Amino acid sequence: MLERLLIVFVAMLAIALLYGIWRLWQRRHLQKLRTVMAPVHLPPGVAGGKPTVLYFSTSECAQCRLQQAPILTQLQSRLDVAVHHIDALEQQALANFYGIMTVPTTVVLDSELRPVAINHGVAPLQTLQSQIANSQ
């Protein structure tokens, strides 16, 4: 019995360690992105001046259509923010630049088009509102 508990404890510790390493990598990647210029190949219509959300999805992504898209519609109705839909398969260079590994992913940019946050998976409305507030 004690051996099983020890195995479970070690497994949980390993998972926590891997999660911590992944979060650290994300934070460093975001800091690195903030120091470089915005990519030249941003989609037409993406301009600075106000917070912007780049919304990466694919045509087959059900989560994107059913969950993330309505949240982004609500976000636009509540805040002065530009939301740009980007097909991650068609814009692979841009997806690679931001380290997009899954869809839906949202990239919150400040008014100078520097990334403030990258959300892998569905981002709740409150999270996006907080990130946009922190970008100003």
C-alpha atoms as a PDB file:
ATOM      1  CA  MET A   1       0.000   0.000   0.000  1.00  0.00           C
ATOM      2  CA  LEU A   2       2.773   2.419   0.915  1.00  0.00           C
ATOM      3  CA  GLU A   3       4.574   1.644  -2.330  1.00  0.00           C
ATOM      4  CA  ARG A   4       1.485   2.551  -4.365  1.00  0.00           C
ATOM      5  CA  LEU A   5       1.153   5.854  -2.547  1.00  0.00           C
ATOM      6  CA  LEU A   6       4.815   6.574  -3.215  1.00  0.00           C
ATOM      7  CA  ILE A   7       4.368   5.799  -6.920  1.00  0.00           C
ATOM      8  CA  VAL A   8       1.308   8.071  -7.118  1.00  0.00           C
ATOM      9  CA  PHE A   9       3.181  10.832  -5.280  1.00  0.00           C
ATOM     10  CA  VAL A  10       6.182  10.586  -7.627  1.00  0.00           C
ATOM     11  CA  ALA A  11       3.887  10.596 -10.676  1.00  0.00           C
ATOM     12  CA  MET A  12       2.029  13.680  -9.416  1.00  0.00           C
ATOM     13  CA  LEU A  13       5.321  15.404  -8.670  1.00  0.00           C
ATOM     14  CA  ALA A  14       6.579  14.635 -12.185  1.00  0.00           C
ATOM     15  CA  ILE A  15       3.382  16.019 -13.730  1.00  0.00           C
ATOM     16  CA  ALA A  16       3.624  19.177 -11.626  1.00  0.00           C
ATOM     17  CA  LEU A  17       7.274  19.604 -12.611  1.00  0.00           C
ATOM     18  CA  LEU A  18       6.503  19.199 -16.315  1.00  0.00           C
ATOM     19  CA  TYR A  19       3.636  21.687 -16.048  1.00  0.00           C
ATOM     20  CA  GLY A  20       5.923  24.176 -14.299  1.00  0.00           C
ATOM     21  CA  ILE A  21       8.570  23.801 -16.992  1.00  0.00           C
ATOM     22  CA  TRP A  22       5.947  24.310 -19.712  1.00  0.00           C
ATOM     23  CA  ARG A  23       4.595  27.476 -18.007  1.00  0.00           C
ATOM     24  CA  LEU A  24       8.140  28.815 -17.620  1.00  0.00           C
ATOM     25  CA  TRP A  25       8.801  28.172 -21.323  1.00  0.00           C
ATOM     26  CA  GLN A  26       5.559  29.986 -22.208  1.00  0.00           C
ATOM     27  CA  ARG A  27       6.484  32.990 -20.076  1.00  0.00           C
ATOM     28  CA  ARG A  28       9.984  33.235 -21.587  1.00  0.00           C
ATOM     29  CA  HIS A  29       8.642  32.803 -25.113  1.00  0.00           C
ATOM     30  CA  LEU A  30       6.175  35.643 -24.525  1.00  0.00           C
ATOM     31  CA  GLN A  31       8.936  37.885 -23.121  1.00  0.00           C
ATOM     32  CA  LYS A  32      11.075  37.137 -26.167  1.00  0.00           C
ATOM     33  CA  LEU A  33       8.190  37.964 -28.513  1.00  0.00           C
ATOM     34  CA  ARG A  34       7.653  41.312 -26.767  1.00  0.00           C
ATOM     35  CA  THR A  35      11.198  42.380 -27.674  1.00  0.00           C
ATOM     36  CA  VAL A  36      10.957  41.684 -31.408  1.00  0.00           C
ATOM     37  CA  MET A  37       9.046  43.650 -33.997  1.00  0.00           C
ATOM     38  CA  ALA A  38       5.597  42.433 -35.016  1.00  0.00           C
ATOM     39  CA  PRO A  39       5.867  40.077 -37.972  1.00  0.00           C
ATOM     40  CA  VAL A  40       5.591  41.712 -41.354  1.00  0.00           C
ATOM     41  CA  HIS A  41       3.138  39.069 -42.512  1.00  0.00           C
ATOM     42  CA  LEU A  42       0.271  40.107 -40.231  1.00  0.00           C
ATOM     43  CA  PRO A  43      -3.058  39.784 -42.030  1.00  0.00           C
ATOM     44  CA  PRO A  44      -4.466  42.840 -43.820  1.00  0.00           C
ATOM     45  CA  GLY A  45      -6.422  45.099 -41.513  1.00  0.00           C
ATOM     46  CA  VAL A  46      -4.319  44.423 -38.423  1.00  0.00           C
ATOM     47  CA  ALA A  47      -3.152  47.839 -37.313  1.00  0.00           C
ATOM     48  CA  GLY A  48      -1.989  49.262 -34.020  1.00  0.00           C
ATOM     49  CA  GLY A  49      -3.711  51.943 -32.026  1.00  0.00           C
ATOM     50  CA  LYS A  50      -5.923  49.734 -29.891  1.00  0.00           C
ATOM     51  CA  PRO A  51      -5.719  46.287 -28.292  1.00  0.00           C
ATOM     52  CA  THR A  52      -6.019  43.448 -30.773  1.00  0.00           C
ATOM     53  CA  VAL A  53      -6.845  39.763 -30.461  1.00  0.00           C
ATOM     54  CA  LEU A  54      -5.506  37.355 -33.067  1.00  0.00           C
ATOM     55  CA  TYR A  55      -7.833  34.345 -33.057  1.00  0.00           C
ATOM     56  CA  PHE A  56      -6.210  31.227 -34.521  1.00  0.00           C
ATOM     57  CA  SER A  57      -8.510  28.394 -35.582  1.00  0.00           C
ATOM     58  CA  THR A  58      -9.167  25.971 -38.418  1.00  0.00           C
ATOM     59  CA  SER A  59     -12.292  25.208 -40.424  1.00  0.00           C
ATOM     60  CA  GLU A  60     -12.646  21.799 -38.726  1.00  0.00           C
ATOM     61  CA  CYS A  61     -12.365  23.101 -35.158  1.00  0.00           C
ATOM     62  CA  ALA A  62     -15.727  22.648 -33.423  1.00  0.00           C
ATOM     63  CA  GLN A  63     -14.485  24.214 -30.170  1.00  0.00           C
ATOM     64  CA  CYS A  64     -13.489  27.300 -32.121  1.00  0.00           C
ATOM     65  CA  ARG A  65     -16.934  27.808 -33.654  1.00  0.00           C
ATOM     66  CA  LEU A  66     -19.074  26.741 -30.707  1.00  0.00           C
ATOM     67  CA  GLN A  67     -17.127  28.124 -27.750  1.00  0.00           C
ATOM     68  CA  GLN A  68     -14.380  30.616 -28.604  1.00  0.00           C
ATOM     69  CA  ALA A  69     -16.137  32.550 -31.397  1.00  0.00           C
ATOM     70  CA  PRO A  70     -19.157  33.547 -29.233  1.00  0.00           C
ATOM     71  CA  ILE A  71     -16.796  34.649 -26.447  1.00  0.00           C
ATOM     72  CA  LEU A  72     -14.897  36.878 -28.881  1.00  0.00           C
ATOM     73  CA  THR A  73     -18.181  38.345 -30.159  1.00  0.00           C
ATOM     74  CA  GLN A  74     -19.101  39.234 -26.565  1.00  0.00           C
ATOM     75  CA  LEU A  75     -15.642  40.706 -26.037  1.00  0.00           C
ATOM     76  CA  GLN A  76     -16.004  42.990 -29.060  1.00  0.00           C
ATOM     77  CA  SER A  77     -19.416  44.178 -27.887  1.00  0.00           C
ATOM     78  CA  ARG A  78     -18.048  45.096 -24.431  1.00  0.00           C
ATOM     79  CA  LEU A  79     -14.625  46.559 -25.236  1.00  0.00           C
ATOM     80  CA  ASP A  80     -12.974  48.608 -27.968  1.00  0.00           C
ATOM     81  CA  VAL A  81     -10.837  45.772 -29.268  1.00  0.00           C
ATOM     82  CA  ALA A  82     -10.078  44.467 -32.754  1.00  0.00           C
ATOM     83  CA  VAL A  83     -10.496  40.718 -33.279  1.00  0.00           C
ATOM     84  CA  HIS A  84      -8.915  39.100 -36.328  1.00  0.00           C
ATOM     85  CA  HIS A  85      -9.660  35.508 -37.300  1.00  0.00           C
ATOM     86  CA  ILE A  86      -6.654  33.643 -38.685  1.00  0.00           C
ATOM     87  CA  ASP A  87      -6.707  30.148 -40.170  1.00  0.00           C
ATOM     88  CA  ALA A  88      -3.717  28.466 -38.534  1.00  0.00           C
ATOM     89  CA  LEU A  89      -3.226  26.108 -41.482  1.00  0.00           C
ATOM     90  CA  GLU A  90      -3.251  28.850 -44.116  1.00  0.00           C
ATOM     91  CA  GLN A  91      -1.045  31.202 -42.057  1.00  0.00           C
ATOM     92  CA  GLN A  92       1.495  28.663 -40.786  1.00  0.00           C
ATOM     93  CA  ALA A  93       4.377  31.145 -40.685  1.00  0.00           C
ATOM     94  CA  LEU A  94       2.394  33.442 -38.399  1.00  0.00           C
ATOM     95  CA  ALA A  95       1.242  30.507 -36.257  1.00  0.00           C
ATOM     96  CA  ASN A  96       4.853  29.354 -35.909  1.00  0.00           C
ATOM     97  CA  PHE A  97       5.985  32.873 -34.996  1.00  0.00           C
ATOM     98  CA  TYR A  98       3.605  32.928 -32.021  1.00  0.00           C
ATOM     99  CA  GLY A  99       4.233  29.279 -31.093  1.00  0.00           C
ATOM    100  CA  ILE A 100       0.689  28.152 -31.841  1.00  0.00           C
ATOM    101  CA  MET A 101       0.424  24.439 -31.054  1.00  0.00           C
ATOM    102  CA  THR A 102      -3.331  23.966 -30.829  1.00  0.00           C
ATOM    103  CA  VAL A 103      -6.573  25.626 -31.831  1.00  0.00           C
ATOM    104  CA  PRO A 104      -8.327  27.621 -30.663  1.00  0.00           C
ATOM    105  CA  THR A 105      -5.539  29.935 -29.574  1.00  0.00           C
ATOM    106  CA  THR A 106      -5.861  33.642 -28.916  1.00  0.00           C
ATOM    107  CA  VAL A 107      -2.968  36.085 -28.940  1.00  0.00           C
ATOM    108  CA  VAL A 108      -3.677  39.367 -27.155  1.00  0.00           C
ATOM    109  CA  LEU A 109      -1.657  42.281 -28.564  1.00  0.00           C
ATOM    110  CA  ASP A 110      -1.280  45.742 -27.067  1.00  0.00           C
ATOM    111  CA  SER A 111      -1.835  48.916 -29.092  1.00  0.00           C
ATOM    112  CA  GLU A 112       1.699  48.655 -30.498  1.00  0.00           C
ATOM    113  CA  LEU A 113       1.073  45.044 -31.618  1.00  0.00           C
ATOM    114  CA  ARG A 114       3.309  43.524 -28.934  1.00  0.00           C
ATOM    115  CA  PRO A 115       1.978  40.270 -27.448  1.00  0.00           C
ATOM    116  CA  VAL A 116       0.574  40.534 -23.939  1.00  0.00           C
ATOM    117  CA  ALA A 117      -0.735  36.978 -23.604  1.00  0.00           C
ATOM    118  CA  ILE A 118      -1.069  33.756 -25.561  1.00  0.00           C
ATOM    119  CA  ASN A 119      -3.993  31.517 -24.600  1.00  0.00           C
ATOM    120  CA  HIS A 120      -3.815  27.916 -25.828  1.00  0.00           C
ATOM    121  CA  GLY A 121      -7.310  26.435 -25.827  1.00  0.00           C
ATOM    122  CA  VAL A 122     -10.587  28.201 -25.141  1.00  0.00           C
ATOM    123  CA  ALA A 123      -9.989  31.484 -23.318  1.00  0.00           C
ATOM    124  CA  PRO A 124     -12.832  32.604 -21.024  1.00  0.00           C
ATOM    125  CA  LEU A 125     -14.261  36.092 -21.436  1.00  0.00           C
ATOM    126  CA  GLN A 126     -12.980  37.226 -18.028  1.00  0.00           C
ATOM    127  CA  THR A 127      -9.441  36.115 -18.879  1.00  0.00           C
ATOM    128  CA  LEU A 128      -9.446  38.036 -22.152  1.00  0.00           C
ATOM    129  CA  GLN A 129     -10.907  41.147 -20.499  1.00  0.00           C
ATOM    130  CA  SER A 130      -8.210  41.040 -17.820  1.00  0.00           C
ATOM    131  CA  GLN A 131      -5.435  40.599 -20.377  1.00  0.00           C
ATOM    132  CA  ILE A 132      -6.737  43.494 -22.467  1.00  0.00           C
ATOM    133  CA  ALA A 133      -6.988  45.700 -19.372  1.00  0.00           C
ATOM    134  CA  ASN A 134      -3.358  44.848 -18.549  1.00  0.00           C
ATOM    135  CA  SER A 135      -2.282  45.747 -22.093  1.00  0.00           C
ATOM    136  CA  GLN A 136      -3.295  49.396 -21.738  1.00  0.00           C
END
